[in-house]
Amino acid sequence: MGINQEMKMMTRESFEDDGESLHSGVSSNYPNNDANGRSDLYTELEVAKKEDIWVFWLRILTTLVLLTVAVTVCVVVYLEGRKSETKAFEQDFSDLGEKMVQSFEAKVEQRLGVIEAFAESVTSDANHSLPFVNPPNYAFRAETVAILAQLFFIVILPVVPRDQLQTWNQYAQENQQWRAEGWAQVVGVNPESINVTEVGFNPMPGQMMNFHNPNGPGPVQKVAPNQTQYFPMWCTWPVNPGTMANVDLYGDVEHRVPMDTTVNTGKPTFEISTDYIDKEKDGRYGMLKRNTLFDYQDDPHAVAFYPIFDKFSYYEDSDSDPDPPKVGAVFLIMIYWRTYFDNLLPPGADGIFVILENTCDQVYTYRIDGTSSLFVGHGDLHDPKYDYLEAGTSIGNIINAQVLDDNQNGCHYSIRVYPSQDFEDDHRSNKPWIYVLVLASLFLFTSAVFLIYDHMVEQRQKIVLQSAQQSGKLVNTLFPEEVRDQLYQEQQEEANKKQKQKGWENTTTVPNEPATDALVNRASTMDNNTEHGKKAIASLYPESTIFFADLVGFTSWSAKRTPVEVFQLLETIYGAFDNIALKRDVFKVETIGDCYVAATGLPQPQPDHAIIMCKFATDCMNKMKVMMSSLADTMGEDTADLAMRVGLHSGPVTAGVLRGQKSRFQLFGDTVNTASRMESNGLPHRIHVSQETADALRAKGKGMWLTTRPDKVQAKGKGLLQTYFVDTTSKSRSVVSALTLGETTIASGDNMDNTSHASGSTENAPQHSGLPDDLAGFTIDGAGAVHANENNNHDGDSISRGDETQSTAPQRDTFCDELPG
């Protein structure tokens, strides 16, 4: 059995004609879709194409969202980190500022307390004798007070009424031992060994002198005798030979008001601060520089007056005392403000600004770094952005009993505390940036993984889409669009029905199974699942032309070739035919062995279906001749001997899918059967058409293509048929139809060419007279009819004429030859 027979035996029975039915069927081997498990391939492909742009923009959107989220999260983390540090900074400063204020208040309270205790000791020493007082060991006691209260110097200013001026002058001359004690303390010797005159002390004036010359530059003059009271400098510390004594300070207008305030109120009074002293004219500068307790830096200091009472009061409420104590003397003290700001902070706490201000419109700025302080300059020099963190206190609020109220004369001092940028920077770290870098790295890693995953998915989708497209192309060749859509619609409806009944987990669709695989693999189950009463998948096409083509000589040729060569030849031929079909808009039905079946007028109506099919047949015929000649060099010289015969018939066709085992797209109707008869009774290299096809061509003005076949064809089940040959290259219509056979013309009727053949019985006609080689085995009778010789094999492909001629050839081995003839 030849390879061609093996390929086509499975379809013979579908074209067996019992002589009673004229409805033969031609099928396209389409595996039908299982309604319970088909995937909607075309829906997937259409959705994939339509959503491709959306997928692209979704990818862009996803990337932007990831980027936005990454940036947003990084910014939020950074801001939260900074916010946390800011809160820590604010909290630390709040705690530190509060401690600073408390420490400052404690210092003021402690130092004023020391001065108050010293004043009480002087009151005790005076024993109701003020202003006449000369405290024993004054220098030693004053030094201790200066160290504890951090004072530049301490001076007792007795309040001498005018009526006691002369008495005071005499007392001052007789009680100068405090000067010798003070100097002995300085030089470290016994006070009894010191003679103040020999040491070089300024002599104690016999009369109280003015601190300043009221008349301008010149020698100091005696005090005015008409003053109500005097405040001579007495018992000074530290002592030096140049220290003035018994000099009235009340004559200096600068000091008069605060001294009067202290005497009248009995409370300490502060003067304005001084931060610059004329080194050449002001003797205080030398005194400040010689001070061994401080390293004076020419920064602000202030003079204050502290009252010394003439006696003690034993009443808790001084207002209840009938004879309350009176201010009998005043301490003149000099405060060095910087010492009040030292040691307010622990080591390492740097960058705190302290603003010292008073009600006398003086403002100074200090910077505190750990245990030390530094005078920055005049005015409020802190950064205003830290105003909301202000902390502060007033000296007047520290010890109400010891300081003036705001409405009293004098300068009321207070401090304000602020952080600096340096202090805030100490609370800043790189942690927020580290967090940002960590998060950014995580997002970058996540994004990289996403991009890699997206790329891999995209590559996989391309492969799947390419496979789906290939499958789609295959499905496109298997089913016409109308049939395909109806099958998929049934599948979708069935799937929806199953989902509603059983839920998603029981759906009959196998996950991840390609649509084409489901279409092919489950076609065999359709007969078991087919429900009766479903709408038939079939359509009637009233106008169509069916094409049958068969290779003449293929059986003997293939018997000498390997299966690979056989398939290579068929693929080459059918591939060329397929391309022509696409170009001519011809619907390919199927190929079985060496038989090629096609149709026009379906699945879409084509008014020129006969013309299109004739052109298609002509193109195929011409292409066949060219290919056989070219393939002769590689597949053997006998390949060029292969020929093709074509049969066409036009008429109505029913096309559709019969649900069941191995269901396929099929063509049904007498038109198919007749087209098969046209092919089997045709001639090599000729296009054989029926009367219906010829009428369709004439109706479209293509009658010039037709050549009437001189003999009528005896078709099984049809009787004698008048048929035609088509040549689309003909430009004019023959009045008398003729069939050109090589160089011999066979005429019918009166137009018979007597020079070629004489009329008469076929018995007297030569068997091969004037016939070409490819028609060997045929004879021409006297009427011009062509008959197959009784012993003609024609390569196993016989042309029978109804019941009159019986083929002696072996059993036919081509799909087209198996049609009853």
Foldseek 3Di string as FASTA:
>chain_A
DFPQQVQFVVCLVQQEDPLPDLKGKFFFLFQFFFLQAFDQLVVVLVCCVVCVVVVVVVVVVVVVVLVVVLVVVLVVLLVVVVVVLVVVLLVVVLVLLVLLQVLLLVLLVQLLVLVVVVLAVQLVQCQLVFPLGDDPLLQVSQVVSCLSNVFLKKWKWFKAFLVCQLVVLVSVQVDPLLQLSLVCVVVVDDSVPDDLVVLQADDQDSAQWEPDCPVDDDDTGGDDSPDRIFTWTDNMPNHDSDDHTSYTDCNPVQCVQQVVLCQVVVAKFKADKFQADDPVPDPVVVSSCPRPNDNDDSGIKIKMKHFRWNHDDPDPDQVPDPDHTGGRIIMITMGDVQVSNAQSAAAPQFAKKKWKDKPVGWIWIWGDHHRGIGTDGTDDDADVVFVVSKDKDWNCPSDVVHHDDPPGPHITMMMIMTGHPVNSVVSDDCVSVVVSVVSSVVSVVVVVVVVVVVVVVVVVVVVVSVVSVVLVVVVVLFDPPLQSVVSVVSSVVSQVVCCVVPNPVPRSHDPPDHSSCSSNVCSQCQAVVDDPPDDFFKDKQFKKKKKKKAKFLLRVLSVPDDPVVQVVVQCVLVVVLVVLCVVLVWRWRHDRSRMTMIMPCPPPGDLLRLVSVVVSVLVSQVVQQVVQVVCCVPSHVCSNVIFMFMFMEIGMWMWGWDRHGSIGIMIIDSRVLVSLLQRLQTATSWYKYFPRSCVSCVVVVNNQQWAWALAFAAASSPGTGTITTGDSVGDGHDPAGWDDAPPDIQGADPPGDVVQPAADAQVPWDQCRPGDPLPRQWTQHNRRDIGGHLQDCSSVRDNDRYPPHDDPGPDDSHSSSSNGD
